[in-house]
């Protein structure tokens, strides 16, 4: 009896928003739902909450979640596709302890990375490592001392957006 009731409920929610739903108890004592009031049985109308809706937008349309980038080219303004793009998991108040100079950093990106885009690190102003679509990136054998690190979003070889650079210090064991 559980599946038919589930199907009935699903069918009720699939009806247009203007349809009325009725709840009643059938002759066997089971609660039932219908789009038609039952003959000869008392029924209650069911008030349904409003349906959720999502407004579709064309790609590249500036919205509060997609701020217009500060760079302008001629009369067209470039649109930053990501409202948040920043590095995480890098200590800036203390030295990063990486005895062999290997560590990973996270990338906070909103909305989610688009399918055609890749992430690439920029270490001390130069591209670093392989491009990836994973928001965890590894650095290997980084020298001790002060460094800057940023992340770029690439579309092919074109830089779409870049995060602010973060300054950090690597502390390594020095072996003579």
C-alpha atoms as a PDB file:
ATOM      1  CA  UNK A   1       0.000   0.000   0.000  1.00  0.00           C
ATOM      2  CA  UNK A   2       3.017   2.328   0.548  1.00  0.00           C
ATOM      3  CA  UNK A   3       4.082   2.555  -3.115  1.00  0.00           C
ATOM      4  CA  UNK A   4       0.644   3.467  -4.523  1.00  0.00           C
ATOM      5  CA  UNK A   5       0.356   6.241  -1.959  1.00  0.00           C
ATOM      6  CA  UNK A   6       3.830   7.500  -2.851  1.00  0.00           C
ATOM      7  CA  UNK A   7       2.930   7.490  -6.549  1.00  0.00           C
ATOM      8  CA  UNK A   8      -0.285   9.328  -5.778  1.00  0.00           C
ATOM      9  CA  UNK A   9       1.597  11.957  -3.780  1.00  0.00           C
ATOM     10  CA  UNK A  10       4.169  12.392  -6.550  1.00  0.00           C
ATOM     11  CA  UNK A  11       1.397  12.743  -9.096  1.00  0.00           C
ATOM     12  CA  UNK A  12      -0.262  15.363  -6.916  1.00  0.00           C
ATOM     13  CA  UNK A  13       2.909  17.452  -6.761  1.00  0.00           C
ATOM     14  CA  UNK A  14       3.370  17.169 -10.508  1.00  0.00           C
ATOM     15  CA  UNK A  15       0.020  18.838 -11.186  1.00  0.00           C
ATOM     16  CA  UNK A  16      -0.056  22.459 -12.267  1.00  0.00           C
ATOM     17  CA  UNK A  17       0.085  25.043  -9.497  1.00  0.00           C
ATOM     18  CA  UNK A  18      -3.564  25.987 -10.040  1.00  0.00           C
ATOM     19  CA  UNK A  19      -4.854  22.432  -9.400  1.00  0.00           C
ATOM     20  CA  UNK A  20      -6.569  21.718  -6.081  1.00  0.00           C
ATOM     21  CA  UNK A  21      -5.535  18.741  -3.946  1.00  0.00           C
ATOM     22  CA  UNK A  22      -7.940  16.941  -1.629  1.00  0.00           C
ATOM     23  CA  UNK A  23      -7.080  14.782   1.388  1.00  0.00           C
ATOM     24  CA  UNK A  24      -9.575  12.254   2.713  1.00  0.00           C
ATOM     25  CA  UNK A  25      -9.906   8.930   4.516  1.00  0.00           C
ATOM     26  CA  UNK A  26     -11.162   6.069   2.347  1.00  0.00           C
ATOM     27  CA  UNK A  27     -13.549   3.267   3.376  1.00  0.00           C
ATOM     28  CA  UNK A  28     -10.617   1.152   4.675  1.00  0.00           C
ATOM     29  CA  UNK A  29      -9.343   3.960   6.935  1.00  0.00           C
ATOM     30  CA  UNK A  30      -6.370   4.869   4.719  1.00  0.00           C
ATOM     31  CA  UNK A  31      -5.429   8.468   4.070  1.00  0.00           C
ATOM     32  CA  UNK A  32      -5.655   9.268   0.363  1.00  0.00           C
ATOM     33  CA  UNK A  33      -4.997  12.280  -1.867  1.00  0.00           C
ATOM     34  CA  UNK A  34      -6.758  13.201  -5.073  1.00  0.00           C
ATOM     35  CA  UNK A  35      -7.244  16.040  -7.522  1.00  0.00           C
ATOM     36  CA  UNK A  36     -11.016  15.353  -7.413  1.00  0.00           C
ATOM     37  CA  UNK A  37     -13.118  15.526  -4.221  1.00  0.00           C
ATOM     38  CA  UNK A  38     -14.391  12.036  -3.317  1.00  0.00           C
ATOM     39  CA  UNK A  39     -18.110  11.313  -3.675  1.00  0.00           C
ATOM     40  CA  UNK A  40     -19.879  10.964  -0.337  1.00  0.00           C
ATOM     41  CA  UNK A  41     -16.751  11.385   1.851  1.00  0.00           C
ATOM     42  CA  UNK A  42     -15.624  14.474   3.750  1.00  0.00           C
ATOM     43  CA  UNK A  43     -12.385  15.901   2.309  1.00  0.00           C
ATOM     44  CA  UNK A  44      -9.942  18.626   3.274  1.00  0.00           C
ATOM     45  CA  UNK A  45      -8.247  20.871   0.747  1.00  0.00           C
ATOM     46  CA  UNK A  46      -4.457  20.733   0.914  1.00  0.00           C
ATOM     47  CA  UNK A  47      -2.597  24.019   0.670  1.00  0.00           C
ATOM     48  CA  UNK A  48       0.666  23.516  -1.205  1.00  0.00           C
ATOM     49  CA  UNK A  49       3.614  25.870  -0.777  1.00  0.00           C
ATOM     50  CA  UNK A  50       4.613  27.896  -3.832  1.00  0.00           C
ATOM     51  CA  UNK A  51       6.870  26.108  -6.295  1.00  0.00           C
ATOM     52  CA  UNK A  52      10.558  26.951  -6.393  1.00  0.00           C
ATOM     53  CA  UNK A  53      11.721  28.637  -9.540  1.00  0.00           C
ATOM     54  CA  UNK A  54      15.120  29.560 -10.914  1.00  0.00           C
ATOM     55  CA  UNK A  55      15.625  32.480 -13.222  1.00  0.00           C
ATOM     56  CA  UNK A  56      17.860  31.522 -16.124  1.00  0.00           C
ATOM     57  CA  UNK A  57      20.602  33.871 -17.219  1.00  0.00           C
ATOM     58  CA  UNK A  58      22.686  34.094 -20.343  1.00  0.00           C
ATOM     59  CA  UNK A  59      26.396  33.288 -19.795  1.00  0.00           C
ATOM     60  CA  UNK A  60      28.460  36.368 -19.102  1.00  0.00           C
ATOM     61  CA  UNK A  61      25.560  38.449 -17.777  1.00  0.00           C
ATOM     62  CA  UNK A  62      26.771  40.648 -14.895  1.00  0.00           C
ATOM     63  CA  UNK A  63      24.910  39.931 -11.654  1.00  0.00           C
ATOM     64  CA  UNK A  64      25.795  40.464  -7.996  1.00  0.00           C
ATOM     65  CA  UNK A  65      27.351  36.961  -8.033  1.00  0.00           C
ATOM     66  CA  UNK A  66      29.272  37.802 -11.216  1.00  0.00           C
ATOM     67  CA  UNK A  67      30.922  41.170 -10.670  1.00  0.00           C
ATOM     68  CA  UNK A  68      32.236  43.195 -13.553  1.00  0.00           C
ATOM     69  CA  UNK A  69      36.016  42.994 -13.579  1.00  0.00           C
ATOM     70  CA  UNK A  70      37.977  46.174 -13.041  1.00  0.00           C
ATOM     71  CA  UNK A  71      39.740  45.800 -16.377  1.00  0.00           C
ATOM     72  CA  UNK A  72      38.022  47.327 -19.373  1.00  0.00           C
ATOM     73  CA  UNK A  73      38.980  46.763 -22.972  1.00  0.00           C
ATOM     74  CA  UNK A  74      37.854  49.653 -25.176  1.00  0.00           C
ATOM     75  CA  UNK A  75      34.151  50.143 -24.639  1.00  0.00           C
ATOM     76  CA  UNK A  76      33.496  46.567 -23.514  1.00  0.00           C
ATOM     77  CA  UNK A  77      33.943  45.606 -19.899  1.00  0.00           C
ATOM     78  CA  UNK A  78      35.365  42.168 -19.143  1.00  0.00           C
ATOM     79  CA  UNK A  79      33.131  40.066 -16.908  1.00  0.00           C
ATOM     80  CA  UNK A  80      34.762  37.986 -14.173  1.00  0.00           C
ATOM     81  CA  UNK A  81      33.066  34.575 -14.343  1.00  0.00           C
ATOM     82  CA  UNK A  82      33.865  33.774 -10.690  1.00  0.00           C
ATOM     83  CA  UNK A  83      32.635  35.825  -7.744  1.00  0.00           C
ATOM     84  CA  UNK A  84      35.199  34.183  -5.441  1.00  0.00           C
ATOM     85  CA  UNK A  85      38.681  33.064  -6.443  1.00  0.00           C
ATOM     86  CA  UNK A  86      41.286  32.745  -3.708  1.00  0.00           C
ATOM     87  CA  UNK A  87      43.923  30.436  -2.287  1.00  0.00           C
ATOM     88  CA  UNK A  88      43.326  28.643   1.003  1.00  0.00           C
ATOM     89  CA  UNK A  89      45.429  26.599   3.428  1.00  0.00           C
ATOM     90  CA  UNK A  90      48.439  28.931   3.254  1.00  0.00           C
ATOM     91  CA  UNK A  91      49.625  30.354   6.578  1.00  0.00           C
ATOM     92  CA  UNK A  92      50.343  34.067   6.205  1.00  0.00           C
ATOM     93  CA  UNK A  93      51.010  34.890   9.879  1.00  0.00           C
ATOM     94  CA  UNK A  94      53.669  32.224  10.408  1.00  0.00           C
ATOM     95  CA  UNK A  95      56.093  30.198   8.326  1.00  0.00           C
ATOM     96  CA  UNK A  96      54.877  27.212   6.370  1.00  0.00           C
ATOM     97  CA  UNK A  97      56.810  24.182   7.588  1.00  0.00           C
ATOM     98  CA  UNK A  98      57.616  21.948   4.649  1.00  0.00           C
ATOM     99  CA  UNK A  99      60.808  20.006   5.287  1.00  0.00           C
ATOM    100  CA  UNK A 100      61.143  18.912   1.673  1.00  0.00           C
ATOM    101  CA  UNK A 101      59.426  21.985   0.207  1.00  0.00           C
ATOM    102  CA  UNK A 102      56.342  20.026  -0.832  1.00  0.00           C
ATOM    103  CA  UNK A 103      52.845  21.124   0.215  1.00  0.00           C
ATOM    104  CA  UNK A 104      49.330  21.526  -1.175  1.00  0.00           C
ATOM    105  CA  UNK A 105      47.076  24.553  -1.328  1.00  0.00           C
ATOM    106  CA  UNK A 106      43.340  24.801  -1.790  1.00  0.00           C
ATOM    107  CA  UNK A 107      41.402  27.010  -4.158  1.00  0.00           C
ATOM    108  CA  UNK A 108      38.108  28.578  -3.123  1.00  0.00           C
ATOM    109  CA  UNK A 109      36.133  29.210  -6.296  1.00  0.00           C
ATOM    110  CA  UNK A 110      32.487  30.226  -6.683  1.00  0.00           C
ATOM    111  CA  UNK A 111      30.551  29.304  -8.661  1.00  0.00           C
ATOM    112  CA  UNK A 112      32.029  25.919  -9.504  1.00  0.00           C
ATOM    113  CA  UNK A 113      34.836  25.770 -12.080  1.00  0.00           C
ATOM    114  CA  UNK A 114      33.377  25.748 -15.586  1.00  0.00           C
ATOM    115  CA  UNK A 115      34.069  22.671 -17.701  1.00  0.00           C
ATOM    116  CA  UNK A 116      36.322  24.441 -20.213  1.00  0.00           C
ATOM    117  CA  UNK A 117      38.429  26.162 -17.527  1.00  0.00           C
ATOM    118  CA  UNK A 118      41.569  24.945 -15.736  1.00  0.00           C
ATOM    119  CA  UNK A 119      43.468  26.196 -12.689  1.00  0.00           C
ATOM    120  CA  UNK A 120      47.180  27.076 -12.720  1.00  0.00           C
ATOM    121  CA  UNK A 121      49.392  28.375  -9.925  1.00  0.00           C
ATOM    122  CA  UNK A 122      51.605  31.436 -10.293  1.00  0.00           C
ATOM    123  CA  UNK A 123      54.642  31.215  -7.978  1.00  0.00           C
ATOM    124  CA  UNK A 124      56.718  34.379  -7.630  1.00  0.00           C
ATOM    125  CA  UNK A 125      55.129  35.844 -10.769  1.00  0.00           C
ATOM    126  CA  UNK A 126      55.795  32.840 -13.035  1.00  0.00           C
ATOM    127  CA  UNK A 127      53.400  30.041 -14.062  1.00  0.00           C
ATOM    128  CA  UNK A 128      53.997  26.950 -11.938  1.00  0.00           C
ATOM    129  CA  UNK A 129      53.183  23.298 -12.595  1.00  0.00           C
ATOM    130  CA  UNK A 130      50.511  21.633 -14.662  1.00  0.00           C
ATOM    131  CA  UNK A 131      47.045  23.108 -15.201  1.00  0.00           C
ATOM    132  CA  UNK A 132      44.307  21.198 -13.403  1.00  0.00           C
ATOM    133  CA  UNK A 133      40.563  21.176 -12.873  1.00  0.00           C
ATOM    134  CA  UNK A 134      40.947  20.063  -9.235  1.00  0.00           C
ATOM    135  CA  UNK A 135      40.792  22.756  -6.496  1.00  0.00           C
ATOM    136  CA  UNK A 136      43.750  21.186  -4.578  1.00  0.00           C
ATOM    137  CA  UNK A 137      47.121  21.972  -6.123  1.00  0.00           C
ATOM    138  CA  UNK A 138      50.549  20.692  -5.079  1.00  0.00           C
ATOM    139  CA  UNK A 139      53.841  22.530  -5.005  1.00  0.00           C
ATOM    140  CA  UNK A 140      57.046  20.472  -4.975  1.00  0.00           C
ATOM    141  CA  UNK A 141      60.552  21.357  -3.780  1.00  0.00           C
ATOM    142  CA  UNK A 142      59.839  25.045  -3.152  1.00  0.00           C
ATOM    143  CA  UNK A 143      62.911  26.833  -1.815  1.00  0.00           C
ATOM    144  CA  UNK A 144      62.862  28.196   1.700  1.00  0.00           C
ATOM    145  CA  UNK A 145      62.196  31.889   2.133  1.00  0.00           C
ATOM    146  CA  UNK A 146      59.509  34.373   1.123  1.00  0.00           C
ATOM    147  CA  UNK A 147      57.297  33.735  -1.905  1.00  0.00           C
ATOM    148  CA  UNK A 148      54.120  34.999  -3.556  1.00  0.00           C
ATOM    149  CA  UNK A 149      51.465  32.663  -4.856  1.00  0.00           C
ATOM    150  CA  UNK A 150      48.297  33.230  -6.884  1.00  0.00           C
ATOM    151  CA  UNK A 151      45.972  31.030  -8.912  1.00  0.00           C
ATOM    152  CA  UNK A 152      44.789  31.683 -12.451  1.00  0.00           C
ATOM    153  CA  UNK A 153      41.727  30.412 -14.281  1.00  0.00           C
ATOM    154  CA  UNK A 154      42.653  29.488 -17.840  1.00  0.00           C
ATOM    155  CA  UNK A 155      40.572  28.976 -20.958  1.00  0.00           C
ATOM    156  CA  UNK A 156      43.126  27.268 -23.190  1.00  0.00           C
ATOM    157  CA  UNK A 157      46.165  29.525 -22.807  1.00  0.00           C
ATOM    158  CA  UNK A 158      44.106  32.658 -22.110  1.00  0.00           C
ATOM    159  CA  UNK A 159      43.982  33.882 -18.501  1.00  0.00           C
ATOM    160  CA  UNK A 160      40.311  34.436 -17.641  1.00  0.00           C
ATOM    161  CA  UNK A 161      40.777  35.548 -14.029  1.00  0.00           C
ATOM    162  CA  UNK A 162      43.513  35.639 -11.374  1.00  0.00           C
ATOM    163  CA  UNK A 163      43.306  35.609  -7.590  1.00  0.00           C
ATOM    164  CA  UNK A 164      45.084  38.154  -5.417  1.00  0.00           C
ATOM    165  CA  UNK A 165      48.680  37.117  -4.685  1.00  0.00           C
ATOM    166  CA  UNK A 166      49.378  35.758  -1.200  1.00  0.00           C
ATOM    167  CA  UNK A 167      52.780  36.268   0.424  1.00  0.00           C
ATOM    168  CA  UNK A 168      54.060  33.394   2.560  1.00  0.00           C
ATOM    169  CA  UNK A 169      57.291  32.007   3.969  1.00  0.00           C
ATOM    170  CA  UNK A 170      58.555  28.432   3.541  1.00  0.00           C
ATOM    171  CA  UNK A 171      60.593  27.003   6.387  1.00  0.00           C
ATOM    172  CA  UNK A 172      62.724  23.987   5.407  1.00  0.00           C
ATOM    173  CA  UNK A 173      65.362  21.929   7.050  1.00  0.00           C
ATOM    174  CA  UNK A 174      68.717  22.975   5.671  1.00  0.00           C
ATOM    175  CA  UNK A 175      71.109  20.097   5.069  1.00  0.00           C
ATOM    176  CA  UNK A 176      74.696  21.153   4.361  1.00  0.00           C
END
